């Protein structure tokens, strides 16, 4: 792999967005085989920001490679772990929910070596392939069996009586109301004609 870099590059901008105010570092990544033949087309990356010179070219490439792991995490979290399904007006509760979904993803990662591939009826290719990579969705499919084999240290809950509830005469403060923000129509400058 060869990484080439050019610093303080500028590109042509538009009327509304002047790119000459935003210099960047341009990277070219070329991957070659043992015979020095290029495997893929060169990959071009740009690094923009005031602290871009603090990063080495290898750091920039490795950060870009980690992007795929993060995108898969968020996609799986939204589709299978209900990451964005909890709706609450309280930011603290939403942050706690987000942490719970990340902890559940860590549990799936930790249990990946205990998981057994359980193919569905239409997944015949999983039955024949012995070198299948265990994905988080396959671990989640087998997680109920993993939990029953591991057991738990938690004790069974015991009833401690009934809660007294709210004190008589207690009034909850109403939630603050905010103005409704309506989107206006965009005023385009393209239709204006010069006199």
N, C-alpha and C. Protein backbone atom coordinates (compact mmCIF):
# COMPACT_ATOMS: atom_id res chain seq x y z
N UNK A 1 0.85 -1.17 0.00
CA UNK A 1 0.00 0.00 0.00
C UNK A 1 0.89 1.23 0.00
N UNK A 2 0.57 2.18 -0.86
CA UNK A 2 1.31 3.42 -0.96
C UNK A 2 0.37 4.58 -0.67
N UNK A 3 0.75 5.45 0.27
CA UNK A 3 -0.05 6.62 0.61
C UNK A 3 0.74 7.85 0.21
N UNK A 4 0.16 8.64 -0.67
CA UNK A 4 0.77 9.91 -1.09
C UNK A 4 -0.08 11.04 -0.58
N UNK A 5 0.54 12.16 -0.23
CA UNK A 5 -0.21 13.28 0.32
C UNK A 5 0.28 14.61 -0.20
N UNK A 6 -0.67 15.53 -0.41
CA UNK A 6 -0.37 16.90 -0.83
C UNK A 6 -1.07 17.83 0.14
N UNK A 7 -0.33 18.75 0.73
CA UNK A 7 -0.88 19.64 1.74
C UNK A 7 -1.19 21.01 1.15
N UNK A 8 -2.05 21.75 1.84
CA UNK A 8 -2.46 23.12 1.46
C UNK A 8 -3.04 23.17 0.06
N UNK A 9 -3.91 22.19 -0.27
CA UNK A 9 -4.56 22.17 -1.57
C UNK A 9 -5.82 23.02 -1.52
N UNK A 10 -6.21 23.58 -2.66
CA UNK A 10 -7.43 24.37 -2.80
C UNK A 10 -8.22 23.82 -3.97
N UNK A 11 -9.54 23.95 -3.90
CA UNK A 11 -10.38 23.54 -5.02
C UNK A 11 -11.35 24.66 -5.37
N UNK A 12 -11.87 24.58 -6.56
CA UNK A 12 -12.81 25.59 -7.02
C UNK A 12 -14.11 25.46 -6.25
N UNK A 13 -14.62 26.56 -5.77
CA UNK A 13 -15.87 26.55 -5.02
C UNK A 13 -17.03 27.05 -5.86
N UNK A 14 -18.08 27.43 -5.18
CA UNK A 14 -19.26 27.98 -5.85
C UNK A 14 -19.47 29.41 -5.36
N UNK A 15 -20.50 30.02 -5.90
CA UNK A 15 -20.80 31.40 -5.52
C UNK A 15 -21.19 31.49 -4.04
N UNK A 16 -21.93 30.49 -3.59
CA UNK A 16 -22.41 30.49 -2.21
C UNK A 16 -21.41 29.88 -1.23
N UNK A 17 -20.52 29.04 -1.71
CA UNK A 17 -19.58 28.36 -0.82
C UNK A 17 -18.18 28.50 -1.40
N UNK A 18 -17.41 29.38 -0.81
CA UNK A 18 -16.07 29.67 -1.30
C UNK A 18 -15.09 28.65 -0.73
N UNK A 19 -14.58 27.79 -1.56
CA UNK A 19 -13.66 26.75 -1.11
C UNK A 19 -12.24 27.26 -0.92
N UNK A 20 -11.94 28.45 -1.44
CA UNK A 20 -10.58 28.96 -1.24
C UNK A 20 -10.33 29.35 0.22
N UNK A 21 -11.38 29.41 1.03
CA UNK A 21 -11.22 29.67 2.46
C UNK A 21 -10.95 28.40 3.26
N UNK A 22 -10.99 27.24 2.58
CA UNK A 22 -10.86 25.95 3.26
C UNK A 22 -9.78 25.11 2.60
N UNK A 23 -8.52 25.34 2.92
CA UNK A 23 -7.47 24.47 2.39
C UNK A 23 -7.56 23.08 3.00
N UNK A 24 -7.08 22.09 2.28
CA UNK A 24 -7.20 20.71 2.75
C UNK A 24 -5.95 19.93 2.36
N UNK A 25 -5.86 18.74 2.94
CA UNK A 25 -4.79 17.80 2.59
C UNK A 25 -5.40 16.72 1.71
N UNK A 26 -4.77 16.45 0.58
CA UNK A 26 -5.25 15.46 -0.37
C UNK A 26 -4.43 14.19 -0.23
N UNK A 27 -5.11 13.04 -0.14
CA UNK A 27 -4.44 11.75 0.00
C UNK A 27 -4.79 10.86 -1.18
N UNK A 28 -3.81 10.10 -1.64
CA UNK A 28 -4.03 9.06 -2.64
C UNK A 28 -3.52 7.75 -2.06
N UNK A 29 -4.41 6.73 -2.00
CA UNK A 29 -4.03 5.43 -1.47
C UNK A 29 -4.08 4.43 -2.63
N UNK A 30 -2.96 3.78 -2.88
CA UNK A 30 -2.86 2.77 -3.94
C UNK A 30 -2.48 1.45 -3.28
N UNK A 31 -3.28 0.41 -3.55
CA UNK A 31 -3.00 -0.93 -3.02
C UNK A 31 -2.50 -1.79 -4.17
N UNK A 32 -1.36 -2.43 -3.96
CA UNK A 32 -0.74 -3.27 -5.00
C UNK A 32 -0.54 -4.68 -4.49
N UNK A 33 -0.48 -5.64 -5.42
CA UNK A 33 -0.18 -7.02 -5.04
C UNK A 33 1.34 -7.22 -5.01
N UNK A 34 1.77 -8.47 -4.86
CA UNK A 34 3.21 -8.73 -4.74
C UNK A 34 3.98 -8.49 -6.03
N UNK A 35 3.29 -8.52 -7.16
CA UNK A 35 3.95 -8.22 -8.43
C UNK A 35 3.90 -6.73 -8.76
N UNK A 36 3.51 -5.92 -7.78
CA UNK A 36 3.44 -4.45 -7.93
C UNK A 36 2.36 -4.01 -8.90
N UNK A 37 1.34 -4.85 -9.12
CA UNK A 37 0.21 -4.47 -9.96
C UNK A 37 -0.87 -3.88 -9.08
N UNK A 38 -1.47 -2.82 -9.54
CA UNK A 38 -2.53 -2.16 -8.78
C UNK A 38 -3.76 -3.06 -8.70
N UNK A 39 -4.29 -3.26 -7.48
CA UNK A 39 -5.46 -4.14 -7.30
C UNK A 39 -6.75 -3.40 -7.63
N UNK A 40 -6.92 -2.22 -7.05
CA UNK A 40 -8.11 -1.41 -7.30
C UNK A 40 -7.69 -0.07 -7.88
N UNK A 41 -8.69 0.71 -8.20
CA UNK A 41 -8.41 2.09 -8.59
C UNK A 41 -7.89 2.84 -7.37
N UNK A 42 -7.08 3.86 -7.58
CA UNK A 42 -6.60 4.62 -6.41
C UNK A 42 -7.77 5.27 -5.66
N UNK A 43 -7.66 5.28 -4.34
CA UNK A 43 -8.67 5.92 -3.52
C UNK A 43 -8.17 7.31 -3.14
N UNK A 44 -9.04 8.32 -3.31
CA UNK A 44 -8.68 9.70 -3.02
C UNK A 44 -9.46 10.16 -1.80
N UNK A 45 -8.77 10.74 -0.83
CA UNK A 45 -9.40 11.26 0.38
C UNK A 45 -8.94 12.69 0.60
N UNK A 46 -9.78 13.50 1.24
CA UNK A 46 -9.36 14.84 1.65
C UNK A 46 -9.57 14.97 3.15
N UNK A 47 -8.70 15.74 3.78
CA UNK A 47 -8.79 16.01 5.21
C UNK A 47 -8.90 17.51 5.37
N UNK A 48 -10.03 17.96 5.93
CA UNK A 48 -10.30 19.38 6.09
C UNK A 48 -10.40 19.69 7.58
N UNK A 49 -9.92 20.84 7.98
CA UNK A 49 -10.03 21.27 9.37
C UNK A 49 -8.80 22.05 9.78
N UNK A 50 -8.94 22.77 10.87
CA UNK A 50 -7.83 23.61 11.31
C UNK A 50 -6.68 22.79 11.89
N UNK A 51 -6.95 21.56 12.35
CA UNK A 51 -5.90 20.73 12.96
C UNK A 51 -5.49 19.57 12.06
N UNK A 52 -5.72 19.70 10.76
CA UNK A 52 -5.43 18.61 9.85
C UNK A 52 -3.94 18.30 9.74
N UNK A 53 -3.08 19.30 10.01
CA UNK A 53 -1.64 19.08 9.91
C UNK A 53 -1.09 18.26 11.07
N UNK A 54 -1.88 18.10 12.13
CA UNK A 54 -1.43 17.31 13.28
C UNK A 54 -1.53 15.81 13.00
N UNK A 55 -2.30 15.43 11.97
CA UNK A 55 -2.49 14.02 11.65
C UNK A 55 -1.48 13.59 10.59
N UNK A 56 -0.91 12.41 10.78
CA UNK A 56 -0.05 11.86 9.74
C UNK A 56 -0.92 11.23 8.66
N UNK A 57 -0.33 10.90 7.53
CA UNK A 57 -1.09 10.30 6.43
C UNK A 57 -1.62 8.93 6.81
N UNK A 58 -0.84 8.18 7.60
CA UNK A 58 -1.28 6.85 8.04
C UNK A 58 -2.45 6.98 9.00
N UNK A 59 -2.42 8.00 9.89
CA UNK A 59 -3.55 8.22 10.81
C UNK A 59 -4.82 8.53 10.05
N UNK A 60 -4.72 9.35 9.03
CA UNK A 60 -5.90 9.71 8.22
C UNK A 60 -6.49 8.47 7.56
N UNK A 61 -5.64 7.62 7.01
CA UNK A 61 -6.12 6.40 6.35
C UNK A 61 -6.76 5.45 7.36
N UNK A 62 -6.15 5.29 8.53
CA UNK A 62 -6.72 4.38 9.52
C UNK A 62 -8.04 4.90 10.06
N UNK A 63 -8.17 6.20 10.22
CA UNK A 63 -9.45 6.78 10.67
C UNK A 63 -10.54 6.53 9.62
N UNK A 64 -10.17 6.63 8.36
CA UNK A 64 -11.15 6.36 7.30
C UNK A 64 -11.58 4.89 7.32
N UNK A 65 -10.64 3.99 7.59
CA UNK A 65 -10.99 2.57 7.65
C UNK A 65 -11.91 2.27 8.82
N UNK A 66 -11.78 2.98 9.93
CA UNK A 66 -12.65 2.75 11.08
C UNK A 66 -14.07 3.24 10.83
N UNK A 67 -14.23 4.08 9.85
CA UNK A 67 -15.55 4.62 9.52
C UNK A 67 -16.53 3.50 9.18
N UNK A 68 -16.06 2.45 8.51
CA UNK A 68 -16.95 1.37 8.13
C UNK A 68 -17.46 0.62 9.35
N UNK A 69 -16.60 0.41 10.34
CA UNK A 69 -17.04 -0.24 11.57
C UNK A 69 -18.12 0.58 12.27
N UNK A 70 -17.94 1.88 12.29
CA UNK A 70 -18.93 2.74 12.94
C UNK A 70 -20.25 2.74 12.18
N UNK A 71 -20.19 2.76 10.85
CA UNK A 71 -21.43 2.76 10.07
C UNK A 71 -22.19 1.45 10.26
N UNK A 72 -21.48 0.33 10.31
CA UNK A 72 -22.15 -0.95 10.54
C UNK A 72 -22.75 -1.00 11.95
N UNK A 73 -22.04 -0.43 12.93
CA UNK A 73 -22.57 -0.39 14.29
C UNK A 73 -23.88 0.39 14.33
N UNK A 74 -23.90 1.57 13.72
CA UNK A 74 -25.12 2.37 13.78
C UNK A 74 -26.26 1.75 12.98
N UNK A 75 -25.94 1.15 11.85
CA UNK A 75 -27.00 0.50 11.07
C UNK A 75 -27.60 -0.67 11.85
N UNK A 76 -26.74 -1.52 12.42
CA UNK A 76 -27.23 -2.66 13.20
C UNK A 76 -27.96 -2.18 14.44
N UNK A 77 -27.42 -1.14 15.09
CA UNK A 77 -28.06 -0.61 16.29
C UNK A 77 -29.45 -0.05 16.02
N UNK A 78 -29.61 0.62 14.91
CA UNK A 78 -30.92 1.19 14.58
C UNK A 78 -31.91 0.12 14.14
N UNK A 79 -31.44 -0.87 13.38
CA UNK A 79 -32.35 -1.88 12.85
C UNK A 79 -32.67 -2.98 13.85
N UNK A 80 -31.69 -3.41 14.64
CA UNK A 80 -31.89 -4.60 15.47
C UNK A 80 -31.86 -4.35 16.97
N UNK A 81 -31.23 -3.26 17.42
CA UNK A 81 -31.12 -3.00 18.85
C UNK A 81 -32.00 -1.84 19.32
N UNK A 82 -32.84 -1.32 18.45
CA UNK A 82 -33.81 -0.26 18.78
C UNK A 82 -33.11 1.00 19.30
N UNK A 83 -32.00 1.36 18.70
CA UNK A 83 -31.21 2.49 19.17
C UNK A 83 -31.97 3.81 19.09
N UNK A 84 -32.74 4.00 18.04
CA UNK A 84 -33.45 5.28 17.85
C UNK A 84 -34.94 5.16 18.09
N UNK A 85 -35.41 4.06 18.65
CA UNK A 85 -36.85 3.88 18.80
C UNK A 85 -37.40 4.47 20.10
N UNK A 86 -36.54 4.75 21.06
CA UNK A 86 -36.99 5.30 22.35
C UNK A 86 -37.13 6.81 22.22
N UNK A 87 -38.36 7.29 22.31
CA UNK A 87 -38.63 8.71 22.15
C UNK A 87 -38.97 9.31 23.50
N UNK A 88 -38.22 10.29 23.90
CA UNK A 88 -38.44 10.95 25.18
C UNK A 88 -38.04 12.41 25.06
N UNK A 89 -38.70 13.29 25.79
CA UNK A 89 -38.28 14.70 25.76
C UNK A 89 -37.07 14.98 26.66
N UNK A 90 -36.69 14.02 27.49
CA UNK A 90 -35.59 14.21 28.42
C UNK A 90 -34.29 13.70 27.79
N UNK A 91 -33.32 14.57 27.66
CA UNK A 91 -32.05 14.22 27.02
C UNK A 91 -31.29 13.18 27.85
N UNK A 92 -31.38 13.28 29.17
CA UNK A 92 -30.67 12.34 30.04
C UNK A 92 -31.19 10.92 29.82
N UNK A 93 -32.50 10.76 29.69
CA UNK A 93 -33.06 9.43 29.45
C UNK A 93 -32.64 8.89 28.10
N UNK A 94 -32.58 9.76 27.11
CA UNK A 94 -32.16 9.33 25.78
C UNK A 94 -30.70 8.90 25.77
N UNK A 95 -29.85 9.61 26.49
CA UNK A 95 -28.44 9.22 26.59
C UNK A 95 -28.28 7.88 27.30
N UNK A 96 -29.08 7.66 28.34
CA UNK A 96 -29.04 6.36 29.03
C UNK A 96 -29.46 5.23 28.11
N UNK A 97 -30.49 5.47 27.30
CA UNK A 97 -30.96 4.45 26.36
C UNK A 97 -29.87 4.14 25.33
N UNK A 98 -29.20 5.18 24.86
CA UNK A 98 -28.12 4.99 23.89
C UNK A 98 -27.00 4.16 24.49
N UNK A 99 -26.66 4.43 25.76
CA UNK A 99 -25.63 3.64 26.43
C UNK A 99 -26.05 2.18 26.60
N UNK A 100 -27.34 1.95 26.86
CA UNK A 100 -27.83 0.57 27.00
C UNK A 100 -27.71 -0.19 25.69
N UNK A 101 -28.01 0.47 24.57
CA UNK A 101 -27.89 -0.21 23.29
C UNK A 101 -26.42 -0.52 22.97
N UNK A 102 -25.52 0.39 23.35
CA UNK A 102 -24.10 0.11 23.13
C UNK A 102 -23.62 -1.04 24.02
N UNK A 103 -24.13 -1.11 25.25
CA UNK A 103 -23.78 -2.23 26.13
C UNK A 103 -24.31 -3.56 25.58
N UNK A 104 -25.50 -3.52 24.99
CA UNK A 104 -26.03 -4.75 24.40
C UNK A 104 -25.19 -5.19 23.20
N UNK A 105 -24.66 -4.22 22.44
CA UNK A 105 -23.78 -4.56 21.32
C UNK A 105 -22.47 -5.16 21.84
N UNK A 106 -21.96 -4.63 22.95
CA UNK A 106 -20.74 -5.20 23.55
C UNK A 106 -21.01 -6.62 24.04
N UNK A 107 -22.21 -6.88 24.58
CA UNK A 107 -22.56 -8.23 25.00
C UNK A 107 -22.57 -9.19 23.82
N UNK A 108 -23.09 -8.73 22.69
CA UNK A 108 -23.09 -9.58 21.50
C UNK A 108 -21.66 -9.87 21.04
N UNK A 109 -20.81 -8.85 21.12
CA UNK A 109 -19.42 -9.05 20.72
C UNK A 109 -18.71 -10.03 21.66
N UNK A 110 -18.98 -9.92 22.97
CA UNK A 110 -18.33 -10.80 23.93
C UNK A 110 -18.81 -12.24 23.79
N UNK A 111 -20.04 -12.43 23.35
CA UNK A 111 -20.60 -13.78 23.25
C UNK A 111 -20.41 -14.39 21.86
N UNK A 112 -19.64 -13.75 21.00
CA UNK A 112 -19.52 -14.23 19.62
C UNK A 112 -18.87 -15.62 19.54
N UNK A 113 -17.99 -15.97 20.48
CA UNK A 113 -17.32 -17.27 20.43
C UNK A 113 -18.21 -18.39 20.97
N UNK A 114 -19.26 -18.03 21.69
CA UNK A 114 -20.18 -19.03 22.23
C UNK A 114 -21.36 -19.31 21.29
N UNK A 115 -21.52 -18.47 20.28
CA UNK A 115 -22.69 -18.57 19.41
C UNK A 115 -22.56 -19.72 18.43
N UNK A 116 -23.69 -20.31 18.13
CA UNK A 116 -23.81 -21.37 17.15
C UNK A 116 -24.67 -20.84 16.02
N UNK A 117 -24.29 -21.14 14.79
CA UNK A 117 -25.06 -20.67 13.64
C UNK A 117 -26.37 -21.44 13.58
N UNK A 118 -27.48 -20.72 13.65
CA UNK A 118 -28.81 -21.31 13.56
C UNK A 118 -29.47 -20.83 12.27
N UNK A 119 -29.25 -21.53 11.18
CA UNK A 119 -29.82 -21.05 9.91
C UNK A 119 -31.32 -21.24 9.85
N UNK A 120 -31.96 -20.32 9.20
CA UNK A 120 -33.40 -20.44 8.97
C UNK A 120 -33.62 -21.38 7.79
N UNK A 121 -34.88 -21.70 7.51
CA UNK A 121 -35.18 -22.68 6.46
C UNK A 121 -34.66 -22.25 5.10
N UNK A 122 -34.69 -20.97 4.83
CA UNK A 122 -34.29 -20.48 3.50
C UNK A 122 -32.79 -20.16 3.41
N UNK A 123 -32.08 -20.35 4.49
CA UNK A 123 -30.64 -20.06 4.51
C UNK A 123 -29.83 -21.35 4.39
N UNK A 124 -29.99 -22.03 3.26
CA UNK A 124 -29.30 -23.30 3.06
C UNK A 124 -27.78 -23.13 2.96
N UNK A 125 -27.35 -21.97 2.50
CA UNK A 125 -25.91 -21.74 2.34
C UNK A 125 -25.19 -21.71 3.69
N UNK A 126 -25.90 -21.38 4.78
CA UNK A 126 -25.28 -21.37 6.10
C UNK A 126 -25.07 -22.78 6.64
N UNK A 127 -25.90 -23.73 6.18
CA UNK A 127 -25.78 -25.10 6.67
C UNK A 127 -24.54 -25.78 6.08
N UNK A 128 -24.19 -25.44 4.85
CA UNK A 128 -23.08 -26.12 4.19
C UNK A 128 -21.75 -25.44 4.43
N UNK A 129 -21.76 -24.13 4.70
CA UNK A 129 -20.52 -23.38 4.85
C UNK A 129 -20.04 -23.47 6.30
N UNK A 130 -18.90 -24.11 6.51
CA UNK A 130 -18.37 -24.27 7.87
C UNK A 130 -17.55 -23.06 8.31
N UNK A 131 -17.05 -22.28 7.37
CA UNK A 131 -16.20 -21.14 7.71
C UNK A 131 -16.99 -19.84 7.69
N UNK A 132 -18.22 -19.89 8.13
CA UNK A 132 -19.07 -18.69 8.12
C UNK A 132 -18.61 -17.75 9.23
N UNK A 133 -18.57 -16.48 8.93
CA UNK A 133 -18.18 -15.49 9.93
C UNK A 133 -19.37 -15.19 10.82
N UNK A 134 -19.15 -15.25 12.12
CA UNK A 134 -20.23 -14.99 13.07
C UNK A 134 -20.46 -13.48 13.15
N UNK A 135 -21.61 -13.06 12.68
CA UNK A 135 -21.97 -11.65 12.69
C UNK A 135 -22.78 -11.33 13.94
N UNK A 136 -22.94 -10.05 14.29
CA UNK A 136 -23.76 -9.72 15.46
C UNK A 136 -25.21 -10.20 15.35
N UNK A 137 -25.76 -10.23 14.14
CA UNK A 137 -27.14 -10.70 14.01
C UNK A 137 -27.24 -12.20 14.26
N UNK A 138 -26.21 -12.97 13.87
CA UNK A 138 -26.23 -14.41 14.17
C UNK A 138 -26.07 -14.66 15.67
N UNK A 139 -25.26 -13.84 16.34
CA UNK A 139 -25.12 -13.97 17.79
C UNK A 139 -26.43 -13.60 18.48
N UNK A 140 -27.09 -12.57 17.99
CA UNK A 140 -28.36 -12.16 18.59
C UNK A 140 -29.41 -13.24 18.42
N UNK A 141 -29.39 -13.94 17.30
CA UNK A 141 -30.34 -15.01 17.06
C UNK A 141 -30.15 -16.15 18.05
N UNK A 142 -28.91 -16.40 18.48
CA UNK A 142 -28.61 -17.50 19.39
C UNK A 142 -28.45 -17.04 20.84
N UNK A 143 -28.73 -15.77 21.12
CA UNK A 143 -28.42 -15.23 22.44
C UNK A 143 -29.28 -15.81 23.55
N UNK A 144 -30.52 -16.17 23.26
CA UNK A 144 -31.36 -16.76 24.32
C UNK A 144 -30.78 -18.09 24.80
N UNK A 145 -30.23 -18.89 23.90
CA UNK A 145 -29.59 -20.14 24.31
C UNK A 145 -28.32 -19.86 25.10
N UNK A 146 -27.56 -18.85 24.71
CA UNK A 146 -26.32 -18.51 25.42
C UNK A 146 -26.63 -18.09 26.85
N UNK A 147 -27.67 -17.30 27.04
CA UNK A 147 -28.03 -16.83 28.38
C UNK A 147 -28.46 -18.00 29.27
N UNK A 148 -29.24 -18.93 28.71
CA UNK A 148 -29.69 -20.06 29.53
C UNK A 148 -28.54 -20.97 29.92
N UNK A 149 -27.53 -21.12 29.06
CA UNK A 149 -26.39 -21.98 29.42
C UNK A 149 -25.47 -21.31 30.43
N UNK A 150 -25.34 -19.98 30.36
CA UNK A 150 -24.46 -19.28 31.29
C UNK A 150 -25.07 -19.13 32.67
N UNK A 151 -26.38 -18.95 32.72
CA UNK A 151 -27.02 -18.71 34.01
C UNK A 151 -26.85 -17.26 34.43
N UNK A 152 -27.29 -16.96 35.64
CA UNK A 152 -27.20 -15.59 36.14
C UNK A 152 -26.92 -15.60 37.64
N UNK A 153 -26.26 -14.56 38.11
CA UNK A 153 -26.00 -14.41 39.53
C UNK A 153 -27.11 -13.64 40.23
N UNK A 154 -28.02 -13.09 39.47
CA UNK A 154 -29.09 -12.28 40.06
C UNK A 154 -30.08 -13.18 40.81
N UNK A 155 -30.59 -12.66 41.90
CA UNK A 155 -31.59 -13.40 42.68
C UNK A 155 -32.98 -13.07 42.14
N UNK A 156 -33.92 -13.96 42.41
CA UNK A 156 -35.27 -13.71 41.96
C UNK A 156 -35.85 -12.53 42.73
N UNK A 157 -36.65 -11.69 42.08
CA UNK A 157 -37.20 -10.52 42.78
C UNK A 157 -38.22 -10.95 43.84
N UNK A 158 -38.25 -10.20 44.93
CA UNK A 158 -39.20 -10.47 46.01
C UNK A 158 -40.11 -9.27 46.17
N UNK A 159 -41.37 -9.54 46.42
CA UNK A 159 -42.32 -8.45 46.61
C UNK A 159 -42.07 -7.77 47.95
N UNK A 160 -41.97 -6.46 47.92
CA UNK A 160 -41.72 -5.69 49.14
C UNK A 160 -42.93 -4.87 49.56
N UNK A 161 -44.08 -5.22 49.10
CA UNK A 161 -45.28 -4.46 49.43
C UNK A 161 -45.66 -3.56 48.27
N UNK A 162 -46.65 -2.74 48.51
CA UNK A 162 -47.14 -1.86 47.46
C UNK A 162 -46.65 -0.45 47.72
N UNK A 163 -46.34 0.25 46.65
CA UNK A 163 -45.86 1.62 46.76
C UNK A 163 -46.99 2.53 47.23
N UNK A 164 -46.62 3.54 48.01
CA UNK A 164 -47.63 4.48 48.51
C UNK A 164 -48.11 5.42 47.41
N UNK A 165 -47.33 5.57 46.37
CA UNK A 165 -47.73 6.44 45.27
C UNK A 165 -47.45 7.90 45.58
N UNK A 166 -48.06 8.79 44.83
CA UNK A 166 -47.84 10.21 45.05
C UNK A 166 -48.57 10.69 46.30
N UNK A 167 -48.00 11.70 46.92
CA UNK A 167 -48.62 12.28 48.11
C UNK A 167 -49.89 13.00 47.69
N UNK A 168 -50.90 12.94 48.52
CA UNK A 168 -52.18 13.58 48.21
C UNK A 168 -51.98 15.08 48.11
N UNK A 169 -52.48 15.68 47.03
CA UNK A 169 -52.34 17.11 46.80
C UNK A 169 -51.13 17.47 45.95
N UNK A 170 -50.32 16.49 45.58
CA UNK A 170 -49.13 16.76 44.76
C UNK A 170 -49.56 17.07 43.33
N UNK A 171 -49.03 18.16 42.80
CA UNK A 171 -49.33 18.52 41.41
C UNK A 171 -48.03 18.59 40.64
N UNK A 172 -48.00 17.86 39.55
CA UNK A 172 -46.81 17.83 38.71
C UNK A 172 -46.76 19.09 37.87
N UNK A 173 -45.56 19.68 37.75
CA UNK A 173 -45.42 20.90 36.94
C UNK A 173 -45.63 20.54 35.47
N UNK A 174 -46.42 21.35 34.77
CA UNK A 174 -46.64 21.04 33.35
C UNK A 174 -45.37 21.23 32.54
N UNK A 175 -45.27 20.48 31.48
CA UNK A 175 -44.10 20.56 30.60
C UNK A 175 -44.12 21.89 29.85
N UNK A 176 -42.97 22.48 29.70
CA UNK A 176 -42.91 23.77 29.01
C UNK A 176 -43.29 23.60 27.55
N UNK A 177 -44.08 24.55 27.06
CA UNK A 177 -44.53 24.51 25.68
C UNK A 177 -43.62 25.39 24.83
N UNK A 178 -43.30 24.90 23.66
CA UNK A 178 -42.44 25.62 22.73
C UNK A 178 -43.23 26.00 21.49
N UNK A 179 -42.81 27.07 20.86
CA UNK A 179 -43.47 27.51 19.64
C UNK A 179 -43.20 26.50 18.52
N UNK A 180 -44.19 26.36 17.65
CA UNK A 180 -44.06 25.47 16.51
C UNK A 180 -43.26 26.20 15.43
N UNK A 181 -42.23 25.55 14.94
CA UNK A 181 -41.41 26.14 13.89
C UNK A 181 -41.88 25.57 12.55
N UNK A 182 -42.31 26.44 11.68
CA UNK A 182 -42.80 26.01 10.36
C UNK A 182 -41.76 26.37 9.31
N UNK A 183 -41.56 25.46 8.39
CA UNK A 183 -40.62 25.72 7.31
C UNK A 183 -41.27 26.66 6.30
N UNK A 184 -40.51 27.67 5.92
CA UNK A 184 -41.01 28.59 4.91
C UNK A 184 -40.54 28.17 3.53
N UNK A 185 -41.09 28.80 2.53
CA UNK A 185 -40.68 28.48 1.17
C UNK A 185 -39.32 29.11 0.90
N UNK A 186 -38.53 28.42 0.12
CA UNK A 186 -37.20 28.92 -0.20
C UNK A 186 -37.30 30.01 -1.25
N UNK A 187 -36.60 31.09 -1.00
CA UNK A 187 -36.57 32.18 -1.98
C UNK A 187 -35.37 31.94 -2.87
N UNK A 188 -35.65 31.61 -4.10
CA UNK A 188 -34.54 31.32 -5.02
C UNK A 188 -34.09 32.60 -5.71
N UNK A 189 -32.82 32.73 -5.83
CA UNK A 189 -32.24 33.89 -6.52
C UNK A 189 -32.04 33.62 -8.00
N UNK A 190 -32.33 32.37 -8.44
CA UNK A 190 -32.11 32.05 -9.84
C UNK A 190 -33.15 32.70 -10.75
N UNK A 191 -34.37 32.91 -10.22
CA UNK A 191 -35.44 33.43 -11.07
C UNK A 191 -35.37 34.94 -11.23
N UNK A 192 -34.53 35.60 -10.44
CA UNK A 192 -34.42 37.05 -10.56
C UNK A 192 -33.62 37.42 -11.80
N UNK A 193 -34.09 38.42 -12.51
CA UNK A 193 -33.42 38.85 -13.73
C UNK A 193 -32.82 40.23 -13.50
N UNK A 194 -31.69 40.43 -14.12
CA UNK A 194 -31.03 41.74 -14.00
C UNK A 194 -31.77 42.76 -14.85
N UNK A 195 -31.86 44.05 -14.38
CA UNK A 195 -32.60 45.07 -15.16
C UNK A 195 -31.90 45.42 -16.44
